[in-house]
Amino acid sequence: MGKRKDPVDEEHIRKKIRRLEKKLERVQDTSTSSSLQASTTAQEQAPPPLMQSEHALAQTDEDLDIVPEDDELPEEFLLALGNEGQEKTEIGEAIRPELATRWTKIMGSGLQKEAIENIVKKYPTPKNFNSGNAPLMNPEIQASVSELTLKRDRRITSRQNLTGKAMSCLGKSLTNLMKGNINTRTLIEEINDAAKLLAEIFHQDSSSRKFFALAGANQTVKEAVKDAMPDEFLFGKDCGEKIKAAQMIKKASTQIKEQAPKLPQKINHAPVKKQVNWRGPPQQHQRARGGQRAQHQSRQYSFNQNQTRDQRRQKYRRMPNHRMPNHRR
């Protein structure tokens, strides 16, 4: 059986319905009277077409203004209208400004390498929580993948290890709370260290997104926005202004830069050596034809023109198995 409604609520709703019906009748009466007056005056005063359109617009505006104002709609009517268009982004309660400032800076710039190492050493993995360490890749699979895949896997492994350390920090704090060992300063330090590691992971993910987003961009755009601090947007709200400024600077620099004048090409007037046939080695290195006769002929022409006849005779006397040539006086 359905629930019985409260009679007070029913009476209240019926009164509102009667009130709305009366107002509706009043609006209808006013609209009919205005239409009759407009029809009678339209024949007497016929405005031009442009004036007619303006008059019609004025009438529609007046009709909209005539809509009566009433109290808030009943809850049943609001439920019938639905909640579309009424969604609002829920904003949580504000945190301490000291926390917000520190965490925001880490999420934008990241932690120093030394700070990360100190936090990691401070919280070793619990003996019953080995899942906090990132799993290693199987050597069989590692041998079959490319170097690029291995590099990406190492980056993801580093983030997994940082996530495990943050969970170890929180686990230690929760364990002390459950045991009743409450030390406010120690708890604040442990929870803050976990938050720092999570902020570092956030920063690394933002850097990866920037890298992949700028993979196909030109060098001018990369240099303009690569160091931009993220806020609501990955490259900041002023990303467009930075790109425009960089492009204008590049354009101005190309216009200011003077092009070096082209120097005339030097013409080489040196004579070109003609390639001729190779003459071959000297005669003394060639194999003589005819034996001793060739040697005799070669030595015959080796005399100096200034030598006397007696000197020539003495020279040939020293040569065995040779006759002195018969020279005429």
C-alpha atoms as a PDB file:
ATOM      1  CA  MET A   1       0.000   0.000   0.000  1.00  0.00           C
ATOM      2  CA  GLY A   2       1.168   3.508  -0.823  1.00  0.00           C
ATOM      3  CA  LYS A   3       2.039   6.019   1.804  1.00  0.00           C
ATOM      4  CA  ARG A   4      -0.710   8.465   2.784  1.00  0.00           C
ATOM      5  CA  LYS A   5       0.065  12.051   2.004  1.00  0.00           C
ATOM      6  CA  ASP A   6      -0.135  14.756   4.567  1.00  0.00           C
ATOM      7  CA  PRO A   7      -3.468  16.605   4.156  1.00  0.00           C
ATOM      8  CA  VAL A   8      -1.783  19.906   4.933  1.00  0.00           C
ATOM      9  CA  ASP A   9       0.537  19.506   1.949  1.00  0.00           C
ATOM     10  CA  GLU A  10      -2.316  18.573  -0.387  1.00  0.00           C
ATOM     11  CA  GLU A  11      -4.337  21.622   0.621  1.00  0.00           C
ATOM     12  CA  HIS A  12      -1.340  23.855   0.097  1.00  0.00           C
ATOM     13  CA  ILE A  13      -0.733  22.478  -3.396  1.00  0.00           C
ATOM     14  CA  ARG A  14      -4.391  22.868  -4.363  1.00  0.00           C
ATOM     15  CA  LYS A  15      -4.383  26.492  -3.271  1.00  0.00           C
ATOM     16  CA  LYS A  16      -1.358  27.155  -5.443  1.00  0.00           C
ATOM     17  CA  ILE A  17      -3.014  25.467  -8.427  1.00  0.00           C
ATOM     18  CA  ARG A  18      -6.145  27.622  -8.027  1.00  0.00           C
ATOM     19  CA  ARG A  19      -3.994  30.725  -7.748  1.00  0.00           C
ATOM     20  CA  LEU A  20      -2.125  29.843 -10.960  1.00  0.00           C
ATOM     21  CA  GLU A  21      -5.413  29.193 -12.797  1.00  0.00           C
ATOM     22  CA  LYS A  22      -6.704  32.642 -11.860  1.00  0.00           C
ATOM     23  CA  LYS A  23      -3.534  34.295 -13.064  1.00  0.00           C
ATOM     24  CA  LEU A  24      -3.723  32.366 -16.307  1.00  0.00           C
ATOM     25  CA  GLU A  25      -7.285  33.620 -16.888  1.00  0.00           C
ATOM     26  CA  ARG A  26      -6.144  37.172 -16.233  1.00  0.00           C
ATOM     27  CA  VAL A  27      -3.332  36.842 -18.763  1.00  0.00           C
ATOM     28  CA  GLN A  28      -5.704  35.439 -21.375  1.00  0.00           C
ATOM     29  CA  ASP A  29      -8.159  38.316 -20.855  1.00  0.00           C
ATOM     30  CA  THR A  30      -5.436  40.912 -21.250  1.00  0.00           C
ATOM     31  CA  SER A  31      -4.121  39.234 -24.406  1.00  0.00           C
ATOM     32  CA  THR A  32      -7.569  39.098 -26.053  1.00  0.00           C
ATOM     33  CA  SER A  33      -8.300  42.745 -25.244  1.00  0.00           C
ATOM     34  CA  SER A  34      -4.955  43.862 -26.556  1.00  0.00           C
ATOM     35  CA  SER A  35      -5.470  41.905 -29.775  1.00  0.00           C
ATOM     36  CA  LEU A  36      -8.877  43.599 -30.355  1.00  0.00           C
ATOM     37  CA  GLN A  37      -7.411  47.042 -29.811  1.00  0.00           C
ATOM     38  CA  ALA A  38      -4.522  46.279 -32.124  1.00  0.00           C
ATOM     39  CA  SER A  39      -6.882  45.143 -34.907  1.00  0.00           C
ATOM     40  CA  THR A  40      -8.953  48.351 -34.719  1.00  0.00           C
ATOM     41  CA  THR A  41      -5.979  50.679 -34.714  1.00  0.00           C
ATOM     42  CA  ALA A  42      -4.142  48.755 -37.446  1.00  0.00           C
ATOM     43  CA  GLN A  43      -6.621  49.989 -40.109  1.00  0.00           C
ATOM     44  CA  GLU A  44      -6.337  53.627 -39.060  1.00  0.00           C
ATOM     45  CA  GLN A  45      -2.567  53.765 -38.758  1.00  0.00           C
ATOM     46  CA  ALA A  46      -0.692  51.580 -41.182  1.00  0.00           C
ATOM     47  CA  PRO A  47       3.056  51.891 -40.462  1.00  0.00           C
ATOM     48  CA  PRO A  48       5.675  50.976 -43.084  1.00  0.00           C
ATOM     49  CA  PRO A  49       7.026  47.393 -43.154  1.00  0.00           C
ATOM     50  CA  LEU A  50      10.093  48.250 -41.102  1.00  0.00           C
ATOM     51  CA  MET A  51       7.953  49.888 -38.426  1.00  0.00           C
ATOM     52  CA  GLN A  52       5.631  46.901 -38.395  1.00  0.00           C
ATOM     53  CA  SER A  53       8.508  44.527 -37.627  1.00  0.00           C
ATOM     54  CA  GLU A  54       9.743  46.787 -34.831  1.00  0.00           C
ATOM     55  CA  HIS A  55       6.215  46.976 -33.398  1.00  0.00           C
ATOM     56  CA  ALA A  56       5.925  43.172 -33.471  1.00  0.00           C
ATOM     57  CA  LEU A  57       9.246  42.814 -31.640  1.00  0.00           C
ATOM     58  CA  ALA A  58       8.084  45.299 -29.023  1.00  0.00           C
ATOM     59  CA  GLN A  59       4.891  43.329 -28.515  1.00  0.00           C
ATOM     60  CA  THR A  60       6.786  40.076 -28.011  1.00  0.00           C
ATOM     61  CA  ASP A  61       9.036  41.753 -25.459  1.00  0.00           C
ATOM     62  CA  GLU A  62       6.002  43.104 -23.636  1.00  0.00           C
ATOM     63  CA  ASP A  63       4.382  39.672 -23.618  1.00  0.00           C
ATOM     64  CA  LEU A  64       7.521  38.224 -22.079  1.00  0.00           C
ATOM     65  CA  ASP A  65       7.509  40.891 -19.444  1.00  0.00           C
ATOM     66  CA  ILE A  66       3.907  40.116 -18.575  1.00  0.00           C
ATOM     67  CA  VAL A  67       4.821  36.638 -17.281  1.00  0.00           C
ATOM     68  CA  PRO A  68       3.804  36.803 -13.643  1.00  0.00           C
ATOM     69  CA  GLU A  69       6.323  36.301 -10.946  1.00  0.00           C
ATOM     70  CA  ASP A  70       5.443  33.664  -8.443  1.00  0.00           C
ATOM     71  CA  ASP A  71       6.942  31.941  -5.487  1.00  0.00           C
ATOM     72  CA  GLU A  72       9.350  29.055  -5.875  1.00  0.00           C
ATOM     73  CA  LEU A  73       8.029  26.099  -7.802  1.00  0.00           C
ATOM     74  CA  PRO A  74       6.876  23.118  -5.794  1.00  0.00           C
ATOM     75  CA  GLU A  75       9.295  20.287  -5.300  1.00  0.00           C
ATOM     76  CA  GLU A  76       7.241  18.028  -7.564  1.00  0.00           C
ATOM     77  CA  PHE A  77       7.631  20.461 -10.465  1.00  0.00           C
ATOM     78  CA  LEU A  78      11.359  20.720  -9.881  1.00  0.00           C
ATOM     79  CA  LEU A  79      11.669  16.937  -9.873  1.00  0.00           C
ATOM     80  CA  ALA A  80       9.723  16.824 -13.138  1.00  0.00           C
ATOM     81  CA  LEU A  81      12.145  19.332 -14.718  1.00  0.00           C
ATOM     82  CA  GLY A  82      15.141  17.163 -13.792  1.00  0.00           C
ATOM     83  CA  ASN A  83      18.683  18.037 -12.711  1.00  0.00           C
ATOM     84  CA  GLU A  84      20.167  18.639 -16.183  1.00  0.00           C
ATOM     85  CA  GLY A  85      22.111  21.872 -16.321  1.00  0.00           C
ATOM     86  CA  GLN A  86      22.363  22.113 -12.546  1.00  0.00           C
ATOM     87  CA  GLU A  87      25.592  20.152 -12.108  1.00  0.00           C
ATOM     88  CA  LYS A  88      28.298  22.042 -10.281  1.00  0.00           C
ATOM     89  CA  THR A  89      31.930  21.176  -9.715  1.00  0.00           C
ATOM     90  CA  GLU A  90      32.276  20.258  -6.091  1.00  0.00           C
ATOM     91  CA  ILE A  91      35.086  22.076  -4.315  1.00  0.00           C
ATOM     92  CA  GLY A  92      36.447  20.613  -1.119  1.00  0.00           C
ATOM     93  CA  GLU A  93      37.365  22.391   2.038  1.00  0.00           C
ATOM     94  CA  ALA A  94      40.543  24.455   1.882  1.00  0.00           C
ATOM     95  CA  ILE A  95      43.761  22.953   3.242  1.00  0.00           C
ATOM     96  CA  ARG A  96      46.533  24.744   5.073  1.00  0.00           C
ATOM     97  CA  PRO A  97      48.264  27.270   2.780  1.00  0.00           C
ATOM     98  CA  GLU A  98      51.684  25.961   3.877  1.00  0.00           C
ATOM     99  CA  LEU A  99      50.801  22.532   2.475  1.00  0.00           C
ATOM    100  CA  ALA A 100      49.239  23.880  -0.718  1.00  0.00           C
ATOM    101  CA  THR A 101      52.259  26.079  -1.489  1.00  0.00           C
ATOM    102  CA  ARG A 102      54.844  23.354  -0.925  1.00  0.00           C
ATOM    103  CA  TRP A 103      52.996  20.610  -2.784  1.00  0.00           C
ATOM    104  CA  THR A 104      52.156  22.870  -5.737  1.00  0.00           C
ATOM    105  CA  LYS A 105      55.818  23.786  -6.162  1.00  0.00           C
ATOM    106  CA  ILE A 106      56.888  20.128  -6.140  1.00  0.00           C
ATOM    107  CA  MET A 107      54.183  19.189  -8.642  1.00  0.00           C
ATOM    108  CA  GLY A 108      55.426  21.913 -10.976  1.00  0.00           C
ATOM    109  CA  SER A 109      59.219  21.697 -10.600  1.00  0.00           C
ATOM    110  CA  GLY A 110      59.797  18.290  -9.008  1.00  0.00           C
ATOM    111  CA  LEU A 111      62.026  17.203  -6.150  1.00  0.00           C
ATOM    112  CA  GLN A 112      65.796  17.270  -6.172  1.00  0.00           C
ATOM    113  CA  LYS A 113      67.466  13.919  -6.745  1.00  0.00           C
ATOM    114  CA  GLU A 114      69.122  14.041  -3.319  1.00  0.00           C
ATOM    115  CA  ALA A 115      65.785  14.684  -1.584  1.00  0.00           C
ATOM    116  CA  ILE A 116      64.191  11.703  -3.308  1.00  0.00           C
ATOM    117  CA  GLU A 117      67.065   9.415  -2.295  1.00  0.00           C
ATOM    118  CA  ASN A 118      66.816  10.541   1.343  1.00  0.00           C
ATOM    119  CA  ILE A 119      63.093   9.760   1.524  1.00  0.00           C
ATOM    120  CA  VAL A 120      63.563   6.381  -0.155  1.00  0.00           C
ATOM    121  CA  LYS A 121      66.308   5.390   2.293  1.00  0.00           C
ATOM    122  CA  LYS A 122      64.249   6.552   5.282  1.00  0.00           C
ATOM    123  CA  TYR A 123      61.378   4.145   4.575  1.00  0.00           C
ATOM    124  CA  PRO A 124      62.531   0.636   3.637  1.00  0.00           C
ATOM    125  CA  THR A 125      59.931  -1.710   2.242  1.00  0.00           C
ATOM    126  CA  PRO A 126      58.118  -3.616   5.024  1.00  0.00           C
ATOM    127  CA  LYS A 127      58.915  -7.319   5.149  1.00  0.00           C
ATOM    128  CA  ASN A 128      55.265  -8.275   4.649  1.00  0.00           C
ATOM    129  CA  PHE A 129      54.718  -5.767   1.812  1.00  0.00           C
ATOM    130  CA  ASN A 130      57.033  -6.867  -1.012  1.00  0.00           C
ATOM    131  CA  SER A 131      54.410  -5.695  -3.501  1.00  0.00           C
ATOM    132  CA  GLY A 132      55.659  -2.171  -2.813  1.00  0.00           C
ATOM    133  CA  ASN A 133      58.641  -2.878  -5.083  1.00  0.00           C
ATOM    134  CA  ALA A 134      58.075  -2.687  -8.821  1.00  0.00           C
ATOM    135  CA  PRO A 135      58.176  -6.129 -10.485  1.00  0.00           C
ATOM    136  CA  LEU A 136      61.192  -6.819 -12.681  1.00  0.00           C
ATOM    137  CA  MET A 137      60.876  -7.661 -16.345  1.00  0.00           C
ATOM    138  CA  ASN A 138      61.541 -11.260 -17.294  1.00  0.00           C
ATOM    139  CA  PRO A 139      64.929 -11.711 -18.992  1.00  0.00           C
ATOM    140  CA  GLU A 140      63.326 -13.703 -21.819  1.00  0.00           C
ATOM    141  CA  ILE A 141      61.058 -10.763 -22.661  1.00  0.00           C
ATOM    142  CA  GLN A 142      63.775  -8.180 -22.063  1.00  0.00           C
ATOM    143  CA  ALA A 143      66.018  -9.793 -24.676  1.00  0.00           C
ATOM    144  CA  SER A 144      63.312  -9.546 -27.331  1.00  0.00           C
ATOM    145  CA  VAL A 145      62.206  -5.894 -26.967  1.00  0.00           C
ATOM    146  CA  SER A 146      63.773  -2.753 -28.420  1.00  0.00           C
ATOM    147  CA  GLU A 147      65.923  -0.246 -26.569  1.00  0.00           C
ATOM    148  CA  LEU A 148      63.170   2.387 -26.755  1.00  0.00           C
ATOM    149  CA  THR A 149      60.734   0.019 -25.047  1.00  0.00           C
ATOM    150  CA  LEU A 150      63.255  -0.732 -22.311  1.00  0.00           C
ATOM    151  CA  LYS A 151      63.834   2.967 -21.704  1.00  0.00           C
ATOM    152  CA  ARG A 152      60.116   3.579 -21.332  1.00  0.00           C
ATOM    153  CA  ASP A 153      59.788   0.568 -19.033  1.00  0.00           C
ATOM    154  CA  ARG A 154      62.568   1.883 -16.760  1.00  0.00           C
ATOM    155  CA  ARG A 155      60.747   5.201 -16.443  1.00  0.00           C
ATOM    156  CA  ILE A 156      57.483   3.492 -15.492  1.00  0.00           C
ATOM    157  CA  THR A 157      59.362   1.230 -13.056  1.00  0.00           C
ATOM    158  CA  SER A 158      60.807   4.278 -11.294  1.00  0.00           C
ATOM    159  CA  ARG A 159      57.330   5.743 -10.796  1.00  0.00           C
ATOM    160  CA  GLN A 160      56.064   2.419  -9.454  1.00  0.00           C
ATOM    161  CA  ASN A 161      58.866   2.296  -6.897  1.00  0.00           C
ATOM    162  CA  LEU A 162      58.060   5.829  -5.739  1.00  0.00           C
ATOM    163  CA  THR A 163      54.389   4.869  -5.369  1.00  0.00           C
ATOM    164  CA  GLY A 164      55.409   1.863  -3.256  1.00  0.00           C
ATOM    165  CA  LYS A 165      57.552   4.070  -1.003  1.00  0.00           C
ATOM    166  CA  ALA A 166      54.666   6.492  -0.502  1.00  0.00           C
ATOM    167  CA  MET A 167      52.440   3.594   0.530  1.00  0.00           C
ATOM    168  CA  SER A 168      55.150   2.423   2.940  1.00  0.00           C
ATOM    169  CA  CYS A 169      55.172   5.875   4.559  1.00  0.00           C
ATOM    170  CA  LEU A 170      51.405   5.843   5.005  1.00  0.00           C
ATOM    171  CA  GLY A 171      51.471   2.240   6.231  1.00  0.00           C
ATOM    172  CA  LYS A 172      53.977   3.112   8.913  1.00  0.00           C
ATOM    173  CA  SER A 173      51.878   6.069  10.091  1.00  0.00           C
ATOM    174  CA  LEU A 174      48.658   4.059  10.163  1.00  0.00           C
ATOM    175  CA  THR A 175      50.343   1.232  12.057  1.00  0.00           C
ATOM    176  CA  ASN A 176      51.556   3.620  14.765  1.00  0.00           C
ATOM    177  CA  LEU A 177      48.082   5.142  15.047  1.00  0.00           C
ATOM    178  CA  MET A 178      46.475   1.737  15.431  1.00  0.00           C
ATOM    179  CA  LYS A 179      48.984   0.781  18.124  1.00  0.00           C
ATOM    180  CA  GLY A 180      48.349   4.001  19.996  1.00  0.00           C
ATOM    181  CA  ASN A 181      51.875   5.325  19.451  1.00  0.00           C
ATOM    182  CA  ILE A 182      50.775   8.818  18.572  1.00  0.00           C
ATOM    183  CA  ASN A 183      53.546  11.332  18.018  1.00  0.00           C
ATOM    184  CA  THR A 184      52.194  14.351  16.188  1.00  0.00           C
ATOM    185  CA  ARG A 185      55.496  15.530  14.756  1.00  0.00           C
ATOM    186  CA  THR A 186      56.434  12.059  13.520  1.00  0.00           C
ATOM    187  CA  LEU A 187      53.041  11.556  11.917  1.00  0.00           C
ATOM    188  CA  ILE A 188      53.207  14.915  10.167  1.00  0.00           C
ATOM    189  CA  GLU A 189      56.678  14.129   8.831  1.00  0.00           C
ATOM    190  CA  GLU A 190      55.730  10.659   7.557  1.00  0.00           C
ATOM    191  CA  ILE A 191      52.515  11.778   5.883  1.00  0.00           C
ATOM    192  CA  ASN A 192      54.263  14.792   4.346  1.00  0.00           C
ATOM    193  CA  ASP A 193      57.011  12.557   2.933  1.00  0.00           C
ATOM    194  CA  ALA A 194      54.350  10.386   1.290  1.00  0.00           C
ATOM    195  CA  ALA A 195      52.718  13.503  -0.170  1.00  0.00           C
ATOM    196  CA  LYS A 196      56.092  14.682  -1.526  1.00  0.00           C
ATOM    197  CA  LEU A 197      56.615  11.388  -3.350  1.00  0.00           C
ATOM    198  CA  LEU A 198      53.116  11.543  -4.825  1.00  0.00           C
ATOM    199  CA  ALA A 199      53.755  15.123  -5.966  1.00  0.00           C
ATOM    200  CA  GLU A 200      56.995  13.975  -7.633  1.00  0.00           C
ATOM    201  CA  ILE A 201      55.094  11.244  -9.488  1.00  0.00           C
ATOM    202  CA  PHE A 202      52.601  13.887 -10.621  1.00  0.00           C
ATOM    203  CA  HIS A 203      55.482  16.032 -11.909  1.00  0.00           C
ATOM    204  CA  GLN A 204      57.041  13.134 -13.830  1.00  0.00           C
ATOM    205  CA  ASP A 205      53.736  12.336 -15.515  1.00  0.00           C
ATOM    206  CA  SER A 206      53.325  15.982 -16.536  1.00  0.00           C
ATOM    207  CA  SER A 207      56.827  15.946 -18.022  1.00  0.00           C
ATOM    208  CA  SER A 208      56.004  12.810 -20.008  1.00  0.00           C
ATOM    209  CA  ARG A 209      52.848  14.406 -21.351  1.00  0.00           C
ATOM    210  CA  LYS A 210      54.836  17.486 -22.411  1.00  0.00           C
ATOM    211  CA  PHE A 211      57.411  15.338 -24.181  1.00  0.00           C
ATOM    212  CA  PHE A 212      54.844  13.431 -26.220  1.00  0.00           C
ATOM    213  CA  ALA A 213      52.809  16.572 -26.956  1.00  0.00           C
ATOM    214  CA  LEU A 214      55.858  18.420 -28.378  1.00  0.00           C
ATOM    215  CA  ALA A 215      57.207  15.449 -30.328  1.00  0.00           C
ATOM    216  CA  GLY A 216      55.880  16.818 -33.638  1.00  0.00           C
ATOM    217  CA  ALA A 217      56.273  20.554 -32.929  1.00  0.00           C
ATOM    218  CA  ASN A 218      58.938  22.755 -34.520  1.00  0.00           C
ATOM    219  CA  GLN A 219      61.973  23.988 -32.627  1.00  0.00           C
ATOM    220  CA  THR A 220      60.557  27.484 -32.047  1.00  0.00           C
ATOM    221  CA  VAL A 221      57.484  26.187 -30.238  1.00  0.00           C
ATOM    222  CA  LYS A 222      59.549  23.697 -28.208  1.00  0.00           C
ATOM    223  CA  GLU A 223      61.921  26.366 -26.942  1.00  0.00           C
ATOM    224  CA  ALA A 224      59.021  28.677 -26.066  1.00  0.00           C
ATOM    225  CA  VAL A 225      56.950  26.307 -23.913  1.00  0.00           C
ATOM    226  CA  LYS A 226      59.221  23.461 -22.800  1.00  0.00           C
ATOM    227  CA  ASP A 227      59.892  25.072 -19.376  1.00  0.00           C
ATOM    228  CA  ALA A 228      56.340  26.372 -18.845  1.00  0.00           C
ATOM    229  CA  MET A 229      54.857  25.731 -15.415  1.00  0.00           C
ATOM    230  CA  PRO A 230      51.515  23.898 -15.557  1.00  0.00           C
ATOM    231  CA  ASP A 231      48.450  25.343 -13.861  1.00  0.00           C
ATOM    232  CA  GLU A 232      44.970  24.598 -15.181  1.00  0.00           C
ATOM    233  CA  PHE A 233      46.614  23.816 -18.521  1.00  0.00           C
ATOM    234  CA  LEU A 234      49.626  21.624 -19.163  1.00  0.00           C
ATOM    235  CA  PHE A 235      51.686  24.455 -20.690  1.00  0.00           C
ATOM    236  CA  GLY A 236      50.118  27.265 -18.653  1.00  0.00           C
ATOM    237  CA  LYS A 237      47.407  29.770 -19.494  1.00  0.00           C
ATOM    238  CA  ASP A 238      49.788  32.061 -21.419  1.00  0.00           C
ATOM    239  CA  CYS A 239      50.976  29.346 -23.794  1.00  0.00           C
ATOM    240  CA  GLY A 240      49.530  31.069 -26.874  1.00  0.00           C
ATOM    241  CA  GLU A 241      51.149  34.393 -25.994  1.00  0.00           C
ATOM    242  CA  LYS A 242      54.544  32.748 -25.525  1.00  0.00           C
ATOM    243  CA  ILE A 243      54.318  31.026 -28.921  1.00  0.00           C
ATOM    244  CA  LYS A 244      53.317  34.256 -30.675  1.00  0.00           C
ATOM    245  CA  ALA A 245      56.158  36.170 -29.002  1.00  0.00           C
ATOM    246  CA  ALA A 246      58.704  33.511 -29.995  1.00  0.00           C
ATOM    247  CA  GLN A 247      57.502  33.518 -33.606  1.00  0.00           C
ATOM    248  CA  MET A 248      57.668  37.328 -33.784  1.00  0.00           C
ATOM    249  CA  ILE A 249      61.212  37.311 -32.390  1.00  0.00           C
ATOM    250  CA  LYS A 250      62.299  34.728 -34.936  1.00  0.00           C
ATOM    251  CA  LYS A 251      60.718  36.682 -37.776  1.00  0.00           C
ATOM    252  CA  ALA A 252      62.378  39.922 -36.670  1.00  0.00           C
ATOM    253  CA  SER A 253      65.764  38.242 -36.303  1.00  0.00           C
ATOM    254  CA  THR A 254      65.604  36.875 -39.837  1.00  0.00           C
ATOM    255  CA  GLN A 255      64.821  40.360 -41.173  1.00  0.00           C
ATOM    256  CA  ILE A 256      67.599  42.046 -39.194  1.00  0.00           C
ATOM    257  CA  LYS A 257      70.209  39.448 -40.026  1.00  0.00           C
ATOM    258  CA  GLU A 258      72.169  40.533 -43.110  1.00  0.00           C
ATOM    259  CA  GLN A 259      72.786  37.968 -45.730  1.00  0.00           C
ATOM    260  CA  ALA A 260      76.480  37.540 -46.477  1.00  0.00           C
ATOM    261  CA  PRO A 261      77.350  38.772 -50.020  1.00  0.00           C
ATOM    262  CA  LYS A 262      78.302  36.091 -52.436  1.00  0.00           C
ATOM    263  CA  LEU A 263      81.983  36.288 -53.378  1.00  0.00           C
ATOM    264  CA  PRO A 264      82.865  35.896 -57.062  1.00  0.00           C
ATOM    265  CA  GLN A 265      84.257  32.525 -57.912  1.00  0.00           C
ATOM    266  CA  LYS A 266      87.981  32.484 -58.614  1.00  0.00           C
ATOM    267  CA  ILE A 267      88.883  31.364 -62.092  1.00  0.00           C
ATOM    268  CA  ASN A 268      91.955  29.172 -62.246  1.00  0.00           C
ATOM    269  CA  HIS A 269      94.103  30.309 -65.160  1.00  0.00           C
ATOM    270  CA  ALA A 270      96.809  27.696 -64.597  1.00  0.00           C
ATOM    271  CA  PRO A 271      97.572  25.714 -67.735  1.00  0.00           C
ATOM    272  CA  VAL A 272      96.034  22.353 -67.839  1.00  0.00           C
ATOM    273  CA  LYS A 273      98.508  19.560 -68.259  1.00  0.00           C
ATOM    274  CA  LYS A 274      97.730  17.372 -71.145  1.00  0.00           C
ATOM    275  CA  GLN A 275      97.705  13.719 -70.538  1.00  0.00           C
ATOM    276  CA  VAL A 276     100.178  12.022 -72.854  1.00  0.00           C
ATOM    277  CA  ASN A 277     101.344   8.498 -73.200  1.00  0.00           C
ATOM    278  CA  TRP A 278     103.893   7.274 -70.729  1.00  0.00           C
ATOM    279  CA  ARG A 279     107.366   7.161 -72.179  1.00  0.00           C
ATOM    280  CA  GLY A 280     108.482   4.248 -70.126  1.00  0.00           C
ATOM    281  CA  PRO A 281     111.623   3.719 -68.027  1.00  0.00           C
ATOM    282  CA  PRO A 282     115.099   4.859 -69.152  1.00  0.00           C
ATOM    283  CA  GLN A 283     116.991   2.688 -71.595  1.00  0.00           C
ATOM    284  CA  GLN A 284     119.443   1.329 -69.062  1.00  0.00           C
ATOM    285  CA  HIS A 285     116.512  -0.319 -67.217  1.00  0.00           C
ATOM    286  CA  GLN A 286     114.961  -1.793 -70.339  1.00  0.00           C
ATOM    287  CA  ARG A 287     115.814  -5.250 -71.495  1.00  0.00           C
ATOM    288  CA  ALA A 288     118.227  -4.889 -74.348  1.00  0.00           C
ATOM    289  CA  ARG A 289     117.606  -6.571 -77.623  1.00  0.00           C
ATOM    290  CA  GLY A 290     120.567  -8.015 -79.377  1.00  0.00           C
ATOM    291  CA  GLY A 291     122.723  -8.641 -76.263  1.00  0.00           C
ATOM    292  CA  GLN A 292     126.084  -6.882 -76.124  1.00  0.00           C
ATOM    293  CA  ARG A 293     125.420  -4.783 -79.182  1.00  0.00           C
ATOM    294  CA  ALA A 294     122.724  -2.847 -77.404  1.00  0.00           C
ATOM    295  CA  GLN A 295     125.025  -2.272 -74.454  1.00  0.00           C
ATOM    296  CA  HIS A 296     127.783  -1.117 -76.808  1.00  0.00           C
ATOM    297  CA  GLN A 297     125.435   1.351 -78.501  1.00  0.00           C
ATOM    298  CA  SER A 298     124.201   2.712 -75.227  1.00  0.00           C
ATOM    299  CA  ARG A 299     127.744   3.196 -73.973  1.00  0.00           C
ATOM    300  CA  GLN A 300     128.894   4.566 -77.307  1.00  0.00           C
ATOM    301  CA  TYR A 301     126.717   7.628 -76.926  1.00  0.00           C
ATOM    302  CA  SER A 302     127.626   8.143 -73.305  1.00  0.00           C
ATOM    303  CA  PHE A 303     130.927   9.866 -74.213  1.00  0.00           C
ATOM    304  CA  ASN A 304     131.248  13.494 -73.587  1.00  0.00           C
ATOM    305  CA  GLN A 305     131.753  15.756 -76.551  1.00  0.00           C
ATOM    306  CA  ASN A 306     134.734  17.409 -74.838  1.00  0.00           C
ATOM    307  CA  GLN A 307     136.700  14.185 -74.359  1.00  0.00           C
ATOM    308  CA  THR A 308     139.780  13.755 -76.491  1.00  0.00           C
ATOM    309  CA  ARG A 309     140.485  10.762 -78.658  1.00  0.00           C
ATOM    310  CA  ASP A 310     143.149   9.403 -76.299  1.00  0.00           C
ATOM    311  CA  GLN A 311     140.767   9.583 -73.354  1.00  0.00           C
ATOM    312  CA  ARG A 312     138.197   7.654 -75.322  1.00  0.00           C
ATOM    313  CA  ARG A 313     140.759   4.988 -76.215  1.00  0.00           C
ATOM    314  CA  GLN A 314     141.805   4.560 -72.624  1.00  0.00           C
ATOM    315  CA  LYS A 315     138.206   4.182 -71.579  1.00  0.00           C
ATOM    316  CA  TYR A 316     137.516   1.476 -74.078  1.00  0.00           C
ATOM    317  CA  ARG A 317     140.693  -0.364 -73.192  1.00  0.00           C
ATOM    318  CA  ARG A 318     139.387  -0.778 -69.692  1.00  0.00           C
ATOM    319  CA  MET A 319     136.151  -2.310 -71.013  1.00  0.00           C
ATOM    320  CA  PRO A 320     136.592  -6.048 -71.638  1.00  0.00           C
ATOM    321  CA  ASN A 321     135.293  -7.718 -74.786  1.00  0.00           C
ATOM    322  CA  HIS A 322     134.716  -4.439 -76.553  1.00  0.00           C
ATOM    323  CA  ARG A 323     136.381  -2.851 -79.460  1.00  0.00           C
ATOM    324  CA  MET A 324     137.030   0.773 -79.734  1.00  0.00           C
ATOM    325  CA  PRO A 325     134.908   2.345 -82.434  1.00  0.00           C
ATOM    326  CA  ASN A 326     136.787   3.468 -85.491  1.00  0.00           C
ATOM    327  CA  HIS A 327     136.571   7.254 -85.509  1.00  0.00           C
ATOM    328  CA  ARG A 328     137.774   9.289 -88.306  1.00  0.00           C
ATOM    329  CA  ARG A 329     140.179  12.069 -87.713  1.00  0.00           C
END
